[in-house]
């Protein structure tokens, strides 16, 4: 029986490298943002880092298993469909995948007791789906790096 995406990406010997690659992907996506919504995301990210240093790293480590769970059905379908690139597969289902992934951060924001974090999240949530969709090809590449 094939290993699940969670078993692969969250394995104790693999998860630290996955986390490092996720942080790099986030930083790369942030650096490429432009326009008003891009500036808003960068400002929100900077504000949270200023008021809650280490917050993103702590929370991302906490939510990575949930993100992997959200990606699992897409990976399973992709694996059986014989597609060429997982990133393309995700991108073709962009709005659906983005909202699925954002449901994790929505739940996290709903539990946040940090007003600065909540305000920053609410500021950028409206355009977040578009930004997540733009990252899906790279997310797919990251998954394939470990799971293929």
N, C-alpha and C. Protein backbone atom coordinates (compact mmCIF):
# COMPACT_ATOMS: atom_id res chain seq x y z
N UNK A 1 0.84 -1.19 0.00
CA UNK A 1 0.00 0.00 0.00
C UNK A 1 0.88 1.25 0.00
N UNK A 2 0.55 2.20 -0.83
CA UNK A 2 1.34 3.42 -0.95
C UNK A 2 1.18 4.29 0.30
N UNK A 3 2.23 4.97 0.63
CA UNK A 3 2.20 5.88 1.79
C UNK A 3 1.33 7.09 1.46
N UNK A 4 0.68 7.62 2.49
CA UNK A 4 -0.12 8.84 2.29
C UNK A 4 0.81 10.04 2.20
N UNK A 5 0.28 11.11 1.72
CA UNK A 5 1.06 12.35 1.63
C UNK A 5 1.53 12.77 3.02
N UNK A 6 0.65 12.62 4.00
CA UNK A 6 1.02 12.96 5.38
C UNK A 6 2.17 12.10 5.89
N UNK A 7 2.13 10.81 5.60
CA UNK A 7 3.20 9.92 6.04
C UNK A 7 4.53 10.30 5.41
N UNK A 8 4.46 10.82 4.19
CA UNK A 8 5.69 11.21 3.49
C UNK A 8 6.20 12.57 3.97
N UNK A 9 5.34 13.58 3.89
CA UNK A 9 5.78 14.95 4.18
C UNK A 9 5.99 15.23 5.66
N UNK A 10 5.29 14.49 6.51
CA UNK A 10 5.37 14.76 7.95
C UNK A 10 6.24 13.75 8.69
N UNK A 11 6.92 12.89 7.95
CA UNK A 11 7.84 11.94 8.58
C UNK A 11 8.92 12.71 9.33
N UNK A 12 9.31 12.21 10.50
CA UNK A 12 10.27 12.96 11.32
C UNK A 12 11.57 13.34 10.60
N UNK A 13 12.03 12.51 9.69
CA UNK A 13 13.27 12.82 8.98
C UNK A 13 13.05 13.74 7.77
N UNK A 14 11.79 13.93 7.37
CA UNK A 14 11.47 14.75 6.20
C UNK A 14 10.87 16.10 6.57
N UNK A 15 10.06 16.13 7.61
CA UNK A 15 9.32 17.35 7.94
C UNK A 15 10.20 18.60 8.09
N UNK A 16 11.36 18.53 8.74
CA UNK A 16 12.17 19.76 8.83
C UNK A 16 12.55 20.34 7.47
N UNK A 17 12.88 19.49 6.51
CA UNK A 17 13.23 19.97 5.17
C UNK A 17 11.99 20.53 4.47
N UNK A 18 10.84 19.89 4.66
CA UNK A 18 9.60 20.39 4.09
C UNK A 18 9.30 21.78 4.65
N UNK A 19 9.47 21.93 5.96
CA UNK A 19 9.22 23.23 6.59
C UNK A 19 10.15 24.30 6.00
N UNK A 20 11.41 23.99 5.86
CA UNK A 20 12.37 24.93 5.30
C UNK A 20 11.96 25.33 3.88
N UNK A 21 11.55 24.36 3.09
CA UNK A 21 11.12 24.65 1.73
C UNK A 21 9.82 25.47 1.72
N UNK A 22 8.93 25.21 2.65
CA UNK A 22 7.69 25.99 2.74
C UNK A 22 8.00 27.45 3.08
N UNK A 23 8.89 27.67 4.03
CA UNK A 23 9.27 29.04 4.38
C UNK A 23 9.87 29.76 3.18
N UNK A 24 10.73 29.05 2.45
CA UNK A 24 11.35 29.65 1.25
C UNK A 24 10.29 29.97 0.20
N UNK A 25 9.32 29.09 0.02
CA UNK A 25 8.25 29.33 -0.93
C UNK A 25 7.44 30.57 -0.53
N UNK A 26 7.12 30.67 0.74
CA UNK A 26 6.36 31.84 1.23
C UNK A 26 7.15 33.12 0.99
N UNK A 27 8.41 33.11 1.33
CA UNK A 27 9.25 34.30 1.13
C UNK A 27 9.34 34.67 -0.36
N UNK A 28 9.47 33.66 -1.20
CA UNK A 28 9.56 33.91 -2.65
C UNK A 28 8.25 34.51 -3.16
N UNK A 29 7.13 33.94 -2.73
CA UNK A 29 5.82 34.46 -3.16
C UNK A 29 5.64 35.90 -2.68
N UNK A 30 6.02 36.17 -1.44
CA UNK A 30 5.90 37.53 -0.91
C UNK A 30 6.74 38.51 -1.71
N UNK A 31 7.96 38.11 -2.04
CA UNK A 31 8.85 39.02 -2.76
C UNK A 31 8.33 39.36 -4.15
N UNK A 32 7.51 38.49 -4.72
CA UNK A 32 7.00 38.71 -6.07
C UNK A 32 5.66 39.44 -6.11
N UNK A 33 5.06 39.68 -4.96
CA UNK A 33 3.78 40.40 -4.92
C UNK A 33 3.97 41.84 -5.34
N UNK A 34 2.97 42.36 -6.05
CA UNK A 34 3.03 43.76 -6.47
C UNK A 34 1.62 44.35 -6.40
N UNK A 35 1.52 45.62 -6.67
CA UNK A 35 0.23 46.29 -6.66
C UNK A 35 -0.26 46.56 -5.25
N UNK A 36 -1.48 47.06 -5.17
CA UNK A 36 -2.06 47.45 -3.90
C UNK A 36 -2.26 46.24 -2.99
N UNK A 37 -2.83 45.15 -3.54
CA UNK A 37 -3.07 43.98 -2.68
C UNK A 37 -1.75 43.34 -2.25
N UNK A 38 -0.75 43.37 -3.12
CA UNK A 38 0.57 42.85 -2.75
C UNK A 38 1.20 43.66 -1.64
N UNK A 39 1.06 44.97 -1.75
CA UNK A 39 1.59 45.85 -0.70
C UNK A 39 0.87 45.60 0.62
N UNK A 40 -0.43 45.36 0.56
CA UNK A 40 -1.20 45.08 1.78
C UNK A 40 -0.73 43.79 2.44
N UNK A 41 -0.48 42.77 1.63
CA UNK A 41 0.00 41.49 2.19
C UNK A 41 1.37 41.68 2.82
N UNK A 42 2.26 42.37 2.13
CA UNK A 42 3.60 42.60 2.67
C UNK A 42 3.54 43.40 3.98
N UNK A 43 2.67 44.42 4.02
CA UNK A 43 2.53 45.22 5.23
C UNK A 43 1.97 44.38 6.38
N UNK A 44 0.97 43.56 6.10
CA UNK A 44 0.39 42.70 7.13
C UNK A 44 1.44 41.72 7.66
N UNK A 45 2.21 41.14 6.75
CA UNK A 45 3.25 40.18 7.14
C UNK A 45 4.29 40.86 8.03
N UNK A 46 4.69 42.05 7.62
CA UNK A 46 5.68 42.81 8.38
C UNK A 46 5.14 43.19 9.76
N UNK A 47 3.87 43.60 9.81
CA UNK A 47 3.26 44.01 11.08
C UNK A 47 3.22 42.84 12.06
N UNK A 48 2.80 41.68 11.57
CA UNK A 48 2.74 40.53 12.46
C UNK A 48 4.14 40.15 12.94
N UNK A 49 5.12 40.17 12.04
CA UNK A 49 6.49 39.86 12.45
C UNK A 49 7.02 40.85 13.48
N UNK A 50 6.61 42.12 13.37
CA UNK A 50 7.06 43.14 14.32
C UNK A 50 6.40 42.95 15.69
N UNK A 51 5.11 42.67 15.70
CA UNK A 51 4.37 42.57 16.95
C UNK A 51 4.40 41.18 17.57
N UNK A 52 4.67 40.18 16.78
CA UNK A 52 4.69 38.81 17.27
C UNK A 52 5.82 38.04 16.59
N UNK A 53 7.07 38.37 16.93
CA UNK A 53 8.20 37.68 16.29
C UNK A 53 8.09 36.16 16.45
N UNK A 54 8.36 35.47 15.37
CA UNK A 54 8.31 34.01 15.38
C UNK A 54 6.91 33.44 15.20
N UNK A 55 5.91 34.30 15.15
CA UNK A 55 4.52 33.83 15.06
C UNK A 55 4.29 32.95 13.84
N UNK A 56 4.74 33.39 12.68
CA UNK A 56 4.48 32.62 11.46
C UNK A 56 5.12 31.24 11.52
N UNK A 57 6.35 31.18 11.99
CA UNK A 57 7.03 29.89 12.06
C UNK A 57 6.32 28.95 13.03
N UNK A 58 5.93 29.47 14.18
CA UNK A 58 5.23 28.64 15.17
C UNK A 58 3.89 28.15 14.62
N UNK A 59 3.13 29.04 14.05
CA UNK A 59 1.81 28.67 13.54
C UNK A 59 1.91 27.75 12.33
N UNK A 60 2.90 28.01 11.47
CA UNK A 60 3.01 27.16 10.28
C UNK A 60 3.35 25.73 10.67
N UNK A 61 4.22 25.58 11.63
CA UNK A 61 4.55 24.23 12.10
C UNK A 61 3.30 23.54 12.66
N UNK A 62 2.46 24.31 13.30
CA UNK A 62 1.21 23.79 13.88
C UNK A 62 0.20 23.41 12.79
N UNK A 63 0.11 24.20 11.73
CA UNK A 63 -0.92 23.95 10.72
C UNK A 63 -0.45 23.10 9.54
N UNK A 64 0.84 22.84 9.42
CA UNK A 64 1.32 22.04 8.29
C UNK A 64 0.57 20.71 8.17
N UNK A 65 0.36 19.96 9.25
CA UNK A 65 -0.40 18.71 9.10
C UNK A 65 -1.81 18.93 8.53
N UNK A 66 -2.45 20.02 8.89
CA UNK A 66 -3.78 20.30 8.37
C UNK A 66 -3.72 20.66 6.88
N UNK A 67 -2.69 21.39 6.49
CA UNK A 67 -2.52 21.74 5.08
C UNK A 67 -2.27 20.47 4.26
N UNK A 68 -1.43 19.60 4.78
CA UNK A 68 -1.16 18.33 4.10
C UNK A 68 -2.46 17.53 3.97
N UNK A 69 -3.28 17.52 5.03
CA UNK A 69 -4.58 16.82 4.96
C UNK A 69 -5.45 17.40 3.85
N UNK A 70 -5.43 18.72 3.68
CA UNK A 70 -6.23 19.36 2.62
C UNK A 70 -5.70 19.00 1.24
N UNK A 71 -4.38 18.80 1.12
CA UNK A 71 -3.78 18.45 -0.17
C UNK A 71 -3.94 16.96 -0.50
N UNK A 72 -4.13 16.14 0.52
CA UNK A 72 -4.17 14.68 0.35
C UNK A 72 -5.16 14.22 -0.72
N UNK A 73 -6.42 14.66 -0.73
CA UNK A 73 -7.33 14.15 -1.77
C UNK A 73 -6.91 14.58 -3.18
N UNK A 74 -6.32 15.75 -3.29
CA UNK A 74 -5.85 16.20 -4.61
C UNK A 74 -4.68 15.34 -5.06
N UNK A 75 -3.79 15.02 -4.14
CA UNK A 75 -2.65 14.18 -4.46
C UNK A 75 -3.12 12.78 -4.87
N UNK A 76 -4.07 12.24 -4.12
CA UNK A 76 -4.59 10.90 -4.42
C UNK A 76 -5.22 10.87 -5.82
N UNK A 77 -6.02 11.88 -6.13
CA UNK A 77 -6.65 11.94 -7.45
C UNK A 77 -5.61 12.12 -8.54
N UNK A 78 -4.66 13.01 -8.30
CA UNK A 78 -3.59 13.23 -9.27
C UNK A 78 -2.81 11.94 -9.52
N UNK A 79 -2.49 11.24 -8.45
CA UNK A 79 -1.70 10.01 -8.56
C UNK A 79 -2.40 8.94 -9.39
N UNK A 80 -3.72 8.87 -9.28
CA UNK A 80 -4.46 7.86 -10.05
C UNK A 80 -4.81 8.33 -11.45
N UNK A 81 -4.79 9.66 -11.66
CA UNK A 81 -5.17 10.19 -12.98
C UNK A 81 -4.02 10.19 -13.97
N UNK A 82 -2.80 9.99 -13.48
CA UNK A 82 -1.66 9.92 -14.37
C UNK A 82 -1.24 11.26 -14.96
N UNK A 83 -1.52 12.35 -14.25
CA UNK A 83 -1.13 13.67 -14.73
C UNK A 83 0.38 13.85 -14.73
N UNK A 84 0.84 14.85 -15.46
CA UNK A 84 2.28 15.08 -15.60
C UNK A 84 2.86 15.93 -14.46
N UNK A 85 2.17 16.99 -14.10
CA UNK A 85 2.70 17.92 -13.10
C UNK A 85 1.65 18.19 -12.03
N UNK A 86 2.00 17.94 -10.77
CA UNK A 86 1.04 18.18 -9.69
C UNK A 86 0.70 19.66 -9.56
N UNK A 87 1.69 20.53 -9.79
CA UNK A 87 1.43 21.96 -9.74
C UNK A 87 0.39 22.39 -10.76
N UNK A 88 0.46 21.84 -11.97
CA UNK A 88 -0.55 22.13 -13.00
C UNK A 88 -1.92 21.59 -12.58
N UNK A 89 -1.92 20.40 -12.00
CA UNK A 89 -3.17 19.80 -11.52
C UNK A 89 -3.82 20.73 -10.50
N UNK A 90 -3.03 21.23 -9.55
CA UNK A 90 -3.57 22.13 -8.52
C UNK A 90 -4.04 23.44 -9.14
N UNK A 91 -3.25 23.98 -10.05
CA UNK A 91 -3.59 25.27 -10.68
C UNK A 91 -4.90 25.19 -11.45
N UNK A 92 -5.17 24.06 -12.08
CA UNK A 92 -6.41 23.89 -12.84
C UNK A 92 -7.63 23.87 -11.91
N UNK A 93 -7.41 23.60 -10.65
CA UNK A 93 -8.47 23.59 -9.65
C UNK A 93 -8.24 24.73 -8.65
N UNK A 94 -7.63 25.79 -9.14
CA UNK A 94 -7.16 26.89 -8.31
C UNK A 94 -8.11 27.40 -7.24
N UNK A 95 -9.28 27.90 -7.60
CA UNK A 95 -10.18 28.45 -6.57
C UNK A 95 -10.57 27.42 -5.51
N UNK A 96 -10.85 26.19 -5.95
CA UNK A 96 -11.24 25.13 -5.01
C UNK A 96 -10.10 24.80 -4.06
N UNK A 97 -8.88 24.61 -4.59
CA UNK A 97 -7.73 24.26 -3.77
C UNK A 97 -7.38 25.42 -2.83
N UNK A 98 -7.39 26.64 -3.36
CA UNK A 98 -7.06 27.80 -2.54
C UNK A 98 -8.01 27.93 -1.35
N UNK A 99 -9.30 27.80 -1.60
CA UNK A 99 -10.27 27.91 -0.50
C UNK A 99 -10.12 26.77 0.50
N UNK A 100 -9.79 25.60 0.01
CA UNK A 100 -9.56 24.47 0.90
C UNK A 100 -8.38 24.76 1.83
N UNK A 101 -7.28 25.25 1.25
CA UNK A 101 -6.11 25.58 2.06
C UNK A 101 -6.39 26.76 3.00
N UNK A 102 -7.11 27.74 2.50
CA UNK A 102 -7.42 28.91 3.33
C UNK A 102 -8.38 28.58 4.47
N UNK A 103 -9.13 27.50 4.36
CA UNK A 103 -9.99 27.11 5.47
C UNK A 103 -9.16 26.80 6.72
N UNK A 104 -7.93 26.37 6.51
CA UNK A 104 -7.03 26.10 7.64
C UNK A 104 -6.63 27.40 8.32
N UNK A 105 -6.23 28.39 7.53
CA UNK A 105 -5.83 29.67 8.13
C UNK A 105 -7.04 30.43 8.66
N UNK A 106 -8.19 30.26 8.04
CA UNK A 106 -9.41 30.88 8.57
C UNK A 106 -9.70 30.35 9.97
N UNK A 107 -9.59 29.05 10.15
CA UNK A 107 -9.83 28.44 11.46
C UNK A 107 -8.79 28.92 12.47
N UNK A 108 -7.53 29.02 12.03
CA UNK A 108 -6.47 29.50 12.92
C UNK A 108 -6.74 30.95 13.33
N UNK A 109 -7.14 31.78 12.37
CA UNK A 109 -7.42 33.19 12.67
C UNK A 109 -8.60 33.29 13.64
N UNK A 110 -9.57 32.42 13.48
CA UNK A 110 -10.74 32.44 14.35
C UNK A 110 -10.41 32.13 15.79
N UNK A 111 -9.29 31.44 16.02
CA UNK A 111 -8.87 31.09 17.37
C UNK A 111 -7.82 32.06 17.93
N UNK A 112 -7.34 32.97 17.09
CA UNK A 112 -6.26 33.86 17.51
C UNK A 112 -6.70 34.80 18.62
N UNK A 113 -5.83 34.94 19.59
CA UNK A 113 -6.08 35.88 20.68
C UNK A 113 -5.17 37.10 20.55
N UNK A 114 -4.60 37.25 19.37
CA UNK A 114 -3.71 38.38 19.11
C UNK A 114 -4.42 39.35 18.16
N UNK A 115 -4.85 40.49 18.67
CA UNK A 115 -5.58 41.45 17.84
C UNK A 115 -4.81 41.89 16.60
N UNK A 116 -3.50 42.06 16.71
CA UNK A 116 -2.69 42.49 15.58
C UNK A 116 -2.73 41.45 14.47
N UNK A 117 -2.63 40.19 14.85
CA UNK A 117 -2.65 39.10 13.88
C UNK A 117 -4.02 39.03 13.21
N UNK A 118 -5.05 39.10 14.00
CA UNK A 118 -6.41 39.01 13.46
C UNK A 118 -6.71 40.17 12.52
N UNK A 119 -6.31 41.37 12.90
CA UNK A 119 -6.53 42.53 12.04
C UNK A 119 -5.76 42.39 10.73
N UNK A 120 -4.51 41.95 10.81
CA UNK A 120 -3.70 41.76 9.60
C UNK A 120 -4.33 40.71 8.68
N UNK A 121 -4.80 39.63 9.27
CA UNK A 121 -5.41 38.56 8.46
C UNK A 121 -6.68 39.06 7.79
N UNK A 122 -7.51 39.73 8.53
CA UNK A 122 -8.76 40.24 7.96
C UNK A 122 -8.50 41.25 6.84
N UNK A 123 -7.42 41.99 6.96
CA UNK A 123 -7.06 42.98 5.94
C UNK A 123 -6.75 42.32 4.60
N UNK A 124 -6.11 41.17 4.63
CA UNK A 124 -5.65 40.54 3.40
C UNK A 124 -6.50 39.35 2.95
N UNK A 125 -7.42 38.91 3.77
CA UNK A 125 -8.17 37.68 3.44
C UNK A 125 -8.97 37.80 2.14
N UNK A 126 -9.49 38.95 1.84
CA UNK A 126 -10.31 39.12 0.64
C UNK A 126 -9.59 38.75 -0.65
N UNK A 127 -8.30 39.05 -0.74
CA UNK A 127 -7.51 38.73 -1.93
C UNK A 127 -6.63 37.51 -1.75
N UNK A 128 -6.73 36.85 -0.61
CA UNK A 128 -5.83 35.74 -0.31
C UNK A 128 -5.98 34.58 -1.30
N UNK A 129 -7.20 34.31 -1.73
CA UNK A 129 -7.40 33.20 -2.66
C UNK A 129 -6.58 33.37 -3.93
N UNK A 130 -6.56 34.58 -4.44
CA UNK A 130 -5.78 34.87 -5.66
C UNK A 130 -4.29 34.64 -5.42
N UNK A 131 -3.81 35.05 -4.25
CA UNK A 131 -2.38 34.87 -3.96
C UNK A 131 -2.03 33.40 -3.75
N UNK A 132 -2.92 32.66 -3.10
CA UNK A 132 -2.68 31.23 -2.91
C UNK A 132 -2.71 30.52 -4.27
N UNK A 133 -3.68 30.88 -5.11
CA UNK A 133 -3.74 30.28 -6.45
C UNK A 133 -2.44 30.49 -7.20
N UNK A 134 -1.86 31.67 -7.10
CA UNK A 134 -0.61 31.96 -7.80
C UNK A 134 0.53 31.07 -7.31
N UNK A 135 0.45 30.64 -6.06
CA UNK A 135 1.51 29.81 -5.49
C UNK A 135 1.34 28.32 -5.76
N UNK A 136 0.17 27.90 -6.24
CA UNK A 136 -0.11 26.46 -6.38
C UNK A 136 0.88 25.69 -7.26
N UNK A 137 1.35 26.23 -8.38
CA UNK A 137 2.37 25.47 -9.13
C UNK A 137 3.61 25.17 -8.28
N UNK A 138 4.03 26.13 -7.49
CA UNK A 138 5.21 25.90 -6.63
C UNK A 138 4.89 24.95 -5.48
N UNK A 139 3.68 25.03 -4.97
CA UNK A 139 3.26 24.09 -3.92
C UNK A 139 3.32 22.67 -4.49
N UNK A 140 2.80 22.51 -5.70
CA UNK A 140 2.85 21.20 -6.35
C UNK A 140 4.27 20.70 -6.52
N UNK A 141 5.16 21.58 -6.95
CA UNK A 141 6.57 21.19 -7.11
C UNK A 141 7.19 20.77 -5.78
N UNK A 142 6.85 21.50 -4.72
CA UNK A 142 7.37 21.18 -3.40
C UNK A 142 6.90 19.78 -2.97
N UNK A 143 5.62 19.51 -3.17
CA UNK A 143 5.09 18.19 -2.80
C UNK A 143 5.79 17.09 -3.58
N UNK A 144 5.92 17.29 -4.89
CA UNK A 144 6.56 16.27 -5.74
C UNK A 144 8.00 16.05 -5.34
N UNK A 145 8.69 17.06 -4.91
CA UNK A 145 10.08 16.93 -4.49
C UNK A 145 10.25 15.83 -3.45
N UNK A 146 9.24 15.69 -2.57
CA UNK A 146 9.32 14.70 -1.50
C UNK A 146 8.50 13.45 -1.76
N UNK A 147 7.42 13.59 -2.50
CA UNK A 147 6.48 12.49 -2.60
C UNK A 147 6.58 11.66 -3.88
N UNK A 148 7.31 12.16 -4.86
CA UNK A 148 7.37 11.43 -6.14
C UNK A 148 8.43 10.34 -6.10
